[in-house]
Amino acid sequence: MAKHDIRVMEGALAQAGADVIAAWKAAEAGETVESTDRLYFDSWEALCAVLTPKRYELLRHLRQRPAEGIRALARELKRDVKRVHEDVSALAELGLIERHPDGSLSMPHDEIASTIRFAA
């Protein structure tokens, strides 16, 4: 099962850096380092600005039915092509959507898990 982990916490950038350093040191020591798909956000507002209700709907749709392209996806969702293009670009940049060489789109994750830390 492909899983993507989202973490919302104060000091997210510092935590992401610490995770990279820890993985680097473990690899240098010859330890096996498990690959992770993880996104960090400094606040709930930052997460909500990226993962809007329309983008959530788009992700769910692509998970069930990959699309031939952005225009086809916009038709299926009954949305404006320009807005769907913006959403696909943002989600692809975060690694939540895959854009294939033939222009098709898919959502490769079975699960997106979120952790929201309220205290340091």
Protein backbone atom coordinates (compact mmCIF):
# COMPACT_ATOMS: atom_id res chain seq x y z
CA MET A 1 0.00 0.00 0.00
CA ALA A 2 1.42 3.37 -1.02
CA LYS A 3 1.14 5.88 1.82
CA HIS A 4 1.85 9.61 2.00
CA ASP A 5 2.42 11.21 5.41
CA ILE A 6 1.48 14.84 6.13
CA ARG A 7 2.60 16.52 9.33
CA VAL A 8 1.37 19.84 10.65
CA MET A 9 3.59 21.31 13.33
CA GLU A 10 5.35 24.42 14.45
CA GLY A 11 8.96 24.30 13.28
CA ALA A 12 8.09 22.03 10.35
CA LEU A 13 11.08 23.12 8.26
CA ALA A 14 13.49 22.40 11.11
CA GLN A 15 11.90 18.97 11.64
CA ALA A 16 12.14 18.14 7.94
CA GLY A 17 15.83 19.09 8.02
CA ALA A 18 16.40 16.99 11.14
CA ASP A 19 14.77 14.00 9.47
CA VAL A 20 17.02 14.35 6.42
CA ILE A 21 20.14 14.63 8.61
CA ALA A 22 19.14 11.58 10.65
CA ALA A 23 18.56 9.53 7.49
CA TRP A 24 21.88 10.70 6.03
CA LYS A 25 23.79 9.72 9.20
CA ALA A 26 22.06 6.33 9.34
CA ALA A 27 22.96 5.68 5.68
CA GLU A 28 26.56 6.70 6.30
CA ALA A 29 26.68 4.24 9.22
CA GLY A 30 25.56 1.49 6.85
CA GLU A 31 22.05 1.24 8.24
CA THR A 32 19.10 0.59 5.98
CA VAL A 33 17.04 3.75 5.63
CA GLU A 34 13.40 3.36 4.73
CA SER A 35 12.14 5.77 2.12
CA THR A 36 9.28 8.00 3.26
CA ASP A 37 6.85 10.26 1.45
CA ARG A 38 6.35 13.03 3.96
CA LEU A 39 5.14 16.62 3.73
CA TYR A 40 5.50 19.17 6.52
CA PHE A 41 3.32 22.24 7.07
CA ASP A 42 3.88 24.93 9.72
CA SER A 43 0.18 25.41 10.36
CA TRP A 44 -3.28 24.04 9.76
CA GLU A 45 -3.95 27.10 7.59
CA ALA A 46 -0.97 26.29 5.38
CA LEU A 47 -2.21 22.72 4.91
CA CYS A 48 -5.76 23.90 4.15
CA ALA A 49 -4.44 26.40 1.59
CA VAL A 50 -2.90 23.48 -0.30
CA LEU A 51 -5.37 20.67 0.33
CA THR A 52 -8.63 22.48 -0.43
CA PRO A 53 -11.97 20.67 -0.67
CA LYS A 54 -11.80 20.79 -4.50
CA ARG A 55 -8.29 19.32 -4.50
CA TYR A 56 -9.39 16.62 -2.07
CA GLU A 57 -12.25 15.77 -4.43
CA LEU A 58 -9.77 15.68 -7.34
CA LEU A 59 -7.46 13.29 -5.44
CA ARG A 60 -10.34 10.95 -4.57
CA HIS A 61 -11.54 10.98 -8.17
CA LEU A 62 -8.08 10.18 -9.58
CA ARG A 63 -7.58 7.40 -7.04
CA GLN A 64 -10.74 5.71 -8.32
CA ARG A 65 -10.37 6.62 -11.99
CA PRO A 66 -7.07 7.84 -13.47
CA ALA A 67 -7.61 10.47 -16.18
CA GLU A 68 -6.33 10.73 -19.75
CA GLY A 69 -5.34 14.34 -19.13
CA ILE A 70 -6.32 17.62 -17.56
CA ARG A 71 -9.13 18.41 -20.01
CA ALA A 72 -10.65 14.96 -19.52
CA LEU A 73 -10.36 15.33 -15.75
CA ALA A 74 -12.01 18.76 -15.86
CA ARG A 75 -14.90 17.31 -17.88
CA GLU A 76 -15.32 14.41 -15.45
CA LEU A 77 -15.31 16.79 -12.47
CA LYS A 78 -17.47 19.38 -14.27
CA ARG A 79 -14.90 22.07 -13.48
CA ASP A 80 -13.04 24.79 -15.34
CA VAL A 81 -9.94 23.49 -17.16
CA LYS A 82 -7.75 26.36 -15.91
CA ARG A 83 -8.65 25.69 -12.26
CA VAL A 84 -8.14 21.93 -12.65
CA HIS A 85 -4.74 22.62 -14.25
CA GLU A 86 -3.76 24.81 -11.28
CA ASP A 87 -4.89 22.13 -8.82
CA VAL A 88 -3.11 19.33 -10.68
CA SER A 89 0.11 21.37 -10.85
CA ALA A 90 0.02 22.11 -7.11
CA LEU A 91 -0.73 18.51 -6.15
CA ALA A 92 1.85 17.08 -8.56
CA GLU A 93 4.50 19.39 -7.11
CA LEU A 94 3.77 17.90 -3.68
CA GLY A 95 3.98 14.36 -5.05
CA LEU A 96 0.31 13.60 -4.48
CA ILE A 97 -0.47 13.19 -8.20
CA GLU A 98 1.61 11.53 -10.89
CA ARG A 99 1.78 13.05 -14.36
CA HIS A 100 2.76 10.43 -16.91
CA PRO A 101 4.68 11.06 -20.17
CA ASP A 102 1.52 10.44 -22.22
CA GLY A 103 -0.28 13.23 -20.31
CA SER A 104 -2.39 10.91 -18.17
CA LEU A 105 -2.84 11.53 -14.45
CA SER A 106 -3.10 9.22 -11.48
CA MET A 107 -3.09 9.31 -7.70
CA PRO A 108 -0.72 6.53 -6.60
CA HIS A 109 -1.44 6.62 -2.88
CA ASP A 110 -3.87 4.35 -1.08
CA GLU A 111 -3.64 6.49 2.02
CA ILE A 112 -2.70 9.99 3.06
CA ALA A 113 -2.11 10.08 6.80
CA SER A 114 -2.02 13.34 8.70
CA THR A 115 -0.49 14.13 12.07
CA ILE A 116 -1.25 17.45 13.69
CA ARG A 117 1.00 18.31 16.61
CA PHE A 118 -0.49 20.77 19.13
CA ALA A 119 2.47 20.86 21.49
CA ALA A 120 6.21 20.86 20.96
